[in-house]
Amino acid sequence: MKEIDRELFLLINAANDANGSLAVLAYPAAKYLIFVVPLGIALLWVVGKNLGKRISLILVTSVVIAVALSWVVGLLLPVQRPFLEPIGHNLLAHQPSPSFPPSVRLVVASK
């Protein structure tokens, strides 16, 4: 792990005695907040008129491009996530995976 990655990770990492209410908010945010974006795009498509549909198409295209770029970067630069190093504290359990999640399927499939 590079030193800047280590320092940034420790800067935002939870303390050993993390506030219970913060952990209660962090868990659903970490697990389920990712579903808000596709649901929001779908809602925009359903209730939107021409402009709403056009915006939702642009958003879907942007997400596809971002995932594709993330996949390529994950293949070219396979870097472990900072929590895999023995530093800091984890509030949620994680499986080891590269920093760019879309490449996880390739790493698992190649083993």
N, C-alpha and C. Protein backbone atom coordinates (compact mmCIF):
# COMPACT_ATOMS: atom_id res chain seq x y z
N MET A 1 0.86 -1.18 0.00
CA MET A 1 0.00 0.00 0.00
C MET A 1 0.89 1.23 0.00
N LYS A 2 0.57 2.16 -0.86
CA LYS A 2 1.35 3.39 -0.91
C LYS A 2 1.06 4.23 0.33
N GLU A 3 2.02 5.06 0.68
CA GLU A 3 1.91 5.85 1.91
C GLU A 3 0.71 6.79 1.87
N ILE A 4 0.46 7.41 0.73
CA ILE A 4 -0.68 8.33 0.66
C ILE A 4 -2.00 7.57 0.83
N ASP A 5 -2.08 6.36 0.26
CA ASP A 5 -3.28 5.54 0.44
C ASP A 5 -3.47 5.20 1.90
N ARG A 6 -2.38 4.86 2.56
CA ARG A 6 -2.42 4.51 3.98
C ARG A 6 -2.91 5.69 4.82
N GLU A 7 -2.37 6.85 4.56
CA GLU A 7 -2.73 8.05 5.34
C GLU A 7 -4.19 8.43 5.10
N LEU A 8 -4.64 8.40 3.86
CA LEU A 8 -6.03 8.73 3.56
C LEU A 8 -6.99 7.72 4.18
N PHE A 9 -6.61 6.45 4.13
CA PHE A 9 -7.46 5.42 4.74
C PHE A 9 -7.58 5.65 6.24
N LEU A 10 -6.47 5.92 6.91
CA LEU A 10 -6.51 6.15 8.36
C LEU A 10 -7.26 7.43 8.71
N LEU A 11 -7.25 8.40 7.81
CA LEU A 11 -7.97 9.64 8.05
C LEU A 11 -9.48 9.43 8.12
N ILE A 12 -10.01 8.55 7.26
CA ILE A 12 -11.45 8.34 7.23
C ILE A 12 -11.89 7.07 7.94
N ASN A 13 -10.95 6.28 8.42
CA ASN A 13 -11.28 5.01 9.06
C ASN A 13 -11.95 5.23 10.40
N ALA A 14 -12.87 4.33 10.73
CA ALA A 14 -13.60 4.41 12.00
C ALA A 14 -12.67 4.10 13.17
N ALA A 15 -12.92 4.75 14.27
CA ALA A 15 -12.14 4.49 15.48
C ALA A 15 -12.59 3.16 16.08
N ASN A 16 -11.76 2.62 16.95
CA ASN A 16 -12.08 1.35 17.61
C ASN A 16 -13.37 1.45 18.41
N ASP A 17 -13.61 2.59 19.00
CA ASP A 17 -14.82 2.81 19.80
C ASP A 17 -15.83 3.66 19.00
N ALA A 18 -16.08 3.26 17.76
CA ALA A 18 -16.97 4.03 16.88
C ALA A 18 -18.35 4.18 17.50
N ASN A 19 -18.93 5.34 17.28
CA ASN A 19 -20.25 5.66 17.79
C ASN A 19 -21.27 4.65 17.25
N GLY A 20 -22.05 4.05 18.13
CA GLY A 20 -23.02 3.05 17.74
C GLY A 20 -24.05 3.57 16.76
N SER A 21 -24.50 4.80 16.94
CA SER A 21 -25.49 5.35 16.02
C SER A 21 -24.90 5.58 14.64
N LEU A 22 -23.64 5.94 14.58
CA LEU A 22 -22.99 6.09 13.29
C LEU A 22 -22.90 4.75 12.57
N ALA A 23 -22.58 3.70 13.31
CA ALA A 23 -22.50 2.36 12.72
C ALA A 23 -23.87 1.91 12.24
N VAL A 24 -24.92 2.26 12.99
CA VAL A 24 -26.28 1.90 12.59
C VAL A 24 -26.65 2.58 11.27
N LEU A 25 -26.18 3.79 11.05
CA LEU A 25 -26.44 4.49 9.80
C LEU A 25 -25.51 4.01 8.68
N ALA A 26 -24.28 3.65 9.04
CA ALA A 26 -23.29 3.25 8.04
C ALA A 26 -23.65 1.92 7.39
N TYR A 27 -24.17 0.99 8.17
CA TYR A 27 -24.46 -0.34 7.63
C TYR A 27 -25.48 -0.29 6.49
N PRO A 28 -26.67 0.29 6.69
CA PRO A 28 -27.61 0.32 5.55
C PRO A 28 -27.09 1.18 4.39
N ALA A 29 -26.34 2.23 4.70
CA ALA A 29 -25.78 3.04 3.62
C ALA A 29 -24.80 2.23 2.78
N ALA A 30 -23.95 1.46 3.45
CA ALA A 30 -22.96 0.65 2.74
C ALA A 30 -23.60 -0.49 1.96
N LYS A 31 -24.64 -1.06 2.48
CA LYS A 31 -25.26 -2.23 1.85
C LYS A 31 -26.30 -1.88 0.79
N TYR A 32 -27.08 -0.83 1.02
CA TYR A 32 -28.28 -0.62 0.19
C TYR A 32 -28.30 0.70 -0.58
N LEU A 33 -27.45 1.64 -0.25
CA LEU A 33 -27.50 2.95 -0.92
C LEU A 33 -27.18 2.83 -2.41
N ILE A 34 -26.43 1.81 -2.79
CA ILE A 34 -26.09 1.62 -4.20
C ILE A 34 -27.33 1.37 -5.06
N PHE A 35 -28.40 0.87 -4.45
CA PHE A 35 -29.63 0.60 -5.20
C PHE A 35 -30.46 1.87 -5.45
N VAL A 36 -30.14 2.95 -4.78
CA VAL A 36 -30.89 4.19 -4.95
C VAL A 36 -30.68 4.76 -6.35
N VAL A 37 -29.48 4.65 -6.88
CA VAL A 37 -29.20 5.23 -8.20
C VAL A 37 -30.01 4.55 -9.29
N PRO A 38 -29.96 3.20 -9.43
CA PRO A 38 -30.78 2.60 -10.49
C PRO A 38 -32.28 2.80 -10.27
N LEU A 39 -32.71 2.78 -9.02
CA LEU A 39 -34.14 3.03 -8.75
C LEU A 39 -34.52 4.45 -9.14
N GLY A 40 -33.65 5.40 -8.84
CA GLY A 40 -33.91 6.80 -9.23
C GLY A 40 -33.96 6.98 -10.73
N ILE A 41 -33.05 6.30 -11.43
CA ILE A 41 -33.05 6.38 -12.90
C ILE A 41 -34.32 5.75 -13.46
N ALA A 42 -34.72 4.60 -12.92
CA ALA A 42 -35.95 3.95 -13.38
C ALA A 42 -37.17 4.82 -13.10
N LEU A 43 -37.21 5.42 -11.93
CA LEU A 43 -38.32 6.31 -11.58
C LEU A 43 -38.36 7.51 -12.52
N LEU A 44 -37.20 8.06 -12.83
CA LEU A 44 -37.14 9.18 -13.76
C LEU A 44 -37.65 8.77 -15.14
N TRP A 45 -37.35 7.56 -15.56
CA TRP A 45 -37.84 7.06 -16.86
C TRP A 45 -39.36 6.91 -16.85
N VAL A 46 -39.88 6.36 -15.73
CA VAL A 46 -41.32 6.08 -15.66
C VAL A 46 -42.13 7.36 -15.56
N VAL A 47 -41.75 8.28 -14.68
CA VAL A 47 -42.57 9.47 -14.46
C VAL A 47 -42.15 10.65 -15.33
N GLY A 48 -40.98 10.57 -15.93
CA GLY A 48 -40.49 11.70 -16.72
C GLY A 48 -41.13 11.78 -18.09
N LYS A 49 -41.21 12.96 -18.57
CA LYS A 49 -41.69 13.16 -19.94
C LYS A 49 -40.48 13.01 -20.86
N ASN A 50 -40.46 13.69 -21.97
CA ASN A 50 -39.35 13.56 -22.93
C ASN A 50 -38.01 13.90 -22.31
N LEU A 51 -37.93 15.00 -21.58
CA LEU A 51 -36.67 15.40 -20.97
C LEU A 51 -36.22 14.38 -19.91
N GLY A 52 -37.15 13.90 -19.12
CA GLY A 52 -36.83 12.90 -18.09
C GLY A 52 -36.31 11.61 -18.70
N LYS A 53 -36.91 11.18 -19.79
CA LYS A 53 -36.46 9.97 -20.47
C LYS A 53 -35.08 10.17 -21.09
N ARG A 54 -34.86 11.34 -21.65
CA ARG A 54 -33.56 11.64 -22.24
C ARG A 54 -32.48 11.67 -21.16
N ILE A 55 -32.78 12.28 -20.03
CA ILE A 55 -31.82 12.33 -18.93
C ILE A 55 -31.54 10.93 -18.39
N SER A 56 -32.58 10.11 -18.26
CA SER A 56 -32.36 8.76 -17.76
C SER A 56 -31.52 7.93 -18.73
N LEU A 57 -31.70 8.11 -20.03
CA LEU A 57 -30.85 7.44 -21.02
C LEU A 57 -29.40 7.89 -20.90
N ILE A 58 -29.19 9.17 -20.70
CA ILE A 58 -27.83 9.68 -20.52
C ILE A 58 -27.21 9.10 -19.25
N LEU A 59 -28.00 9.01 -18.18
CA LEU A 59 -27.49 8.44 -16.93
C LEU A 59 -27.14 6.97 -17.07
N VAL A 60 -27.99 6.20 -17.74
CA VAL A 60 -27.70 4.77 -17.94
C VAL A 60 -26.43 4.62 -18.78
N THR A 61 -26.32 5.41 -19.84
CA THR A 61 -25.11 5.37 -20.67
C THR A 61 -23.88 5.72 -19.86
N SER A 62 -23.99 6.73 -19.01
CA SER A 62 -22.87 7.13 -18.16
C SER A 62 -22.47 6.03 -17.19
N VAL A 63 -23.45 5.35 -16.61
CA VAL A 63 -23.16 4.26 -15.68
C VAL A 63 -22.46 3.11 -16.42
N VAL A 64 -22.94 2.78 -17.61
CA VAL A 64 -22.31 1.70 -18.39
C VAL A 64 -20.87 2.06 -18.73
N ILE A 65 -20.63 3.29 -19.15
CA ILE A 65 -19.26 3.73 -19.47
C ILE A 65 -18.39 3.70 -18.22
N ALA A 66 -18.91 4.16 -17.09
CA ALA A 66 -18.13 4.18 -15.85
C ALA A 66 -17.77 2.76 -15.40
N VAL A 67 -18.72 1.83 -15.49
CA VAL A 67 -18.44 0.44 -15.10
C VAL A 67 -17.42 -0.18 -16.06
N ALA A 68 -17.53 0.11 -17.34
CA ALA A 68 -16.57 -0.42 -18.31
C ALA A 68 -15.17 0.12 -18.05
N LEU A 69 -15.07 1.42 -17.79
CA LEU A 69 -13.77 2.02 -17.48
C LEU A 69 -13.20 1.46 -16.17
N SER A 70 -14.05 1.28 -15.19
CA SER A 70 -13.62 0.70 -13.93
C SER A 70 -13.11 -0.72 -14.12
N TRP A 71 -13.77 -1.48 -14.97
CA TRP A 71 -13.36 -2.84 -15.27
C TRP A 71 -11.97 -2.85 -15.92
N VAL A 72 -11.76 -1.95 -16.89
CA VAL A 72 -10.46 -1.88 -17.58
C VAL A 72 -9.36 -1.46 -16.59
N VAL A 73 -9.62 -0.46 -15.78
CA VAL A 73 -8.62 -0.02 -14.80
C VAL A 73 -8.35 -1.13 -13.80
N GLY A 74 -9.38 -1.86 -13.37
CA GLY A 74 -9.18 -2.98 -12.46
C GLY A 74 -8.32 -4.07 -13.05
N LEU A 75 -8.42 -4.29 -14.35
CA LEU A 75 -7.57 -5.28 -15.03
C LEU A 75 -6.13 -4.78 -15.15
N LEU A 76 -5.98 -3.51 -15.47
CA LEU A 76 -4.64 -2.96 -15.68
C LEU A 76 -3.90 -2.66 -14.37
N LEU A 77 -4.64 -2.26 -13.35
CA LEU A 77 -4.02 -1.90 -12.07
C LEU A 77 -4.71 -2.64 -10.92
N PRO A 78 -4.43 -3.93 -10.75
CA PRO A 78 -5.08 -4.66 -9.67
C PRO A 78 -4.48 -4.29 -8.31
N VAL A 79 -5.18 -3.43 -7.59
CA VAL A 79 -4.72 -2.95 -6.29
C VAL A 79 -5.69 -3.46 -5.22
N GLN A 80 -5.14 -3.99 -4.13
CA GLN A 80 -5.99 -4.46 -3.04
C GLN A 80 -6.64 -3.28 -2.34
N ARG A 81 -7.78 -3.56 -1.73
CA ARG A 81 -8.47 -2.54 -0.96
C ARG A 81 -7.69 -2.27 0.33
N PRO A 82 -7.73 -1.04 0.83
CA PRO A 82 -6.94 -0.71 2.01
C PRO A 82 -7.28 -1.53 3.25
N PHE A 83 -8.51 -1.96 3.42
CA PHE A 83 -8.86 -2.69 4.64
C PHE A 83 -8.22 -4.08 4.69
N LEU A 84 -7.63 -4.54 3.59
CA LEU A 84 -6.95 -5.83 3.61
C LEU A 84 -5.60 -5.76 4.32
N GLU A 85 -5.08 -4.55 4.47
CA GLU A 85 -3.85 -4.36 5.23
C GLU A 85 -4.20 -4.40 6.72
N PRO A 86 -3.29 -4.82 7.56
CA PRO A 86 -3.60 -4.90 9.00
C PRO A 86 -3.53 -3.54 9.69
N ILE A 87 -4.31 -2.58 9.19
CA ILE A 87 -4.38 -1.25 9.82
C ILE A 87 -5.83 -0.87 9.97
N GLY A 88 -6.11 0.02 10.88
CA GLY A 88 -7.46 0.53 11.05
C GLY A 88 -8.43 -0.49 11.61
N HIS A 89 -9.71 -0.11 11.60
CA HIS A 89 -10.78 -0.93 12.15
C HIS A 89 -11.90 -1.04 11.13
N ASN A 90 -12.47 -2.22 11.03
CA ASN A 90 -13.60 -2.44 10.12
C ASN A 90 -14.89 -2.53 10.91
N LEU A 91 -15.90 -1.81 10.49
CA LEU A 91 -17.22 -1.93 11.09
C LEU A 91 -18.04 -3.01 10.40
N LEU A 92 -17.76 -3.25 9.12
CA LEU A 92 -18.48 -4.24 8.33
C LEU A 92 -17.50 -5.28 7.80
N ALA A 93 -17.94 -6.51 7.71
CA ALA A 93 -17.10 -7.57 7.16
C ALA A 93 -17.02 -7.42 5.64
N HIS A 94 -15.84 -7.64 5.10
CA HIS A 94 -15.61 -7.53 3.66
C HIS A 94 -14.88 -8.77 3.17
N GLN A 95 -15.18 -9.17 1.95
CA GLN A 95 -14.40 -10.22 1.32
C GLN A 95 -13.25 -9.56 0.58
N PRO A 96 -12.10 -10.22 0.52
CA PRO A 96 -10.99 -9.63 -0.23
C PRO A 96 -11.35 -9.48 -1.71
N SER A 97 -11.10 -8.32 -2.25
CA SER A 97 -11.38 -8.05 -3.66
C SER A 97 -10.54 -6.87 -4.10
N PRO A 98 -10.35 -6.70 -5.42
CA PRO A 98 -9.59 -5.55 -5.91
C PRO A 98 -10.32 -4.24 -5.61
N SER A 99 -9.61 -3.13 -5.75
CA SER A 99 -10.20 -1.81 -5.49
C SER A 99 -11.32 -1.46 -6.45
N PHE A 100 -11.30 -2.03 -7.64
CA PHE A 100 -12.32 -1.75 -8.63
C PHE A 100 -13.25 -2.95 -8.72
N PRO A 101 -14.41 -2.91 -8.06
CA PRO A 101 -15.29 -4.07 -7.94
C PRO A 101 -15.69 -4.79 -9.22
N PRO A 102 -15.91 -4.12 -10.37
CA PRO A 102 -16.33 -4.88 -11.54
C PRO A 102 -15.32 -5.97 -11.95
N SER A 103 -14.05 -5.85 -11.57
CA SER A 103 -13.07 -6.86 -11.96
C SER A 103 -13.10 -8.06 -11.01
N VAL A 104 -13.91 -8.00 -9.96
CA VAL A 104 -13.99 -9.11 -8.99
C VAL A 104 -14.39 -10.40 -9.70
N ARG A 105 -15.34 -10.33 -10.59
CA ARG A 105 -15.83 -11.55 -11.26
C ARG A 105 -14.70 -12.22 -12.04
N LEU A 106 -13.85 -11.42 -12.66
CA LEU A 106 -12.74 -11.99 -13.43
C LEU A 106 -11.72 -12.64 -12.51
N VAL A 107 -11.43 -12.00 -11.38
CA VAL A 107 -10.45 -12.53 -10.45
C VAL A 107 -10.96 -13.84 -9.88
N VAL A 108 -12.23 -13.90 -9.50
CA VAL A 108 -12.81 -15.12 -8.92
C VAL A 108 -12.87 -16.22 -9.98
N ALA A 109 -13.26 -15.86 -11.20
CA ALA A 109 -13.39 -16.86 -12.26
C ALA A 109 -12.05 -17.44 -12.68
N SER A 110 -10.97 -16.66 -12.54
CA SER A 110 -9.67 -17.14 -12.98
C SER A 110 -8.99 -18.04 -11.97
N LYS A 111 -9.53 -18.12 -10.74
CA LYS A 111 -8.89 -18.94 -9.71
C LYS A 111 -9.25 -20.39 -9.84
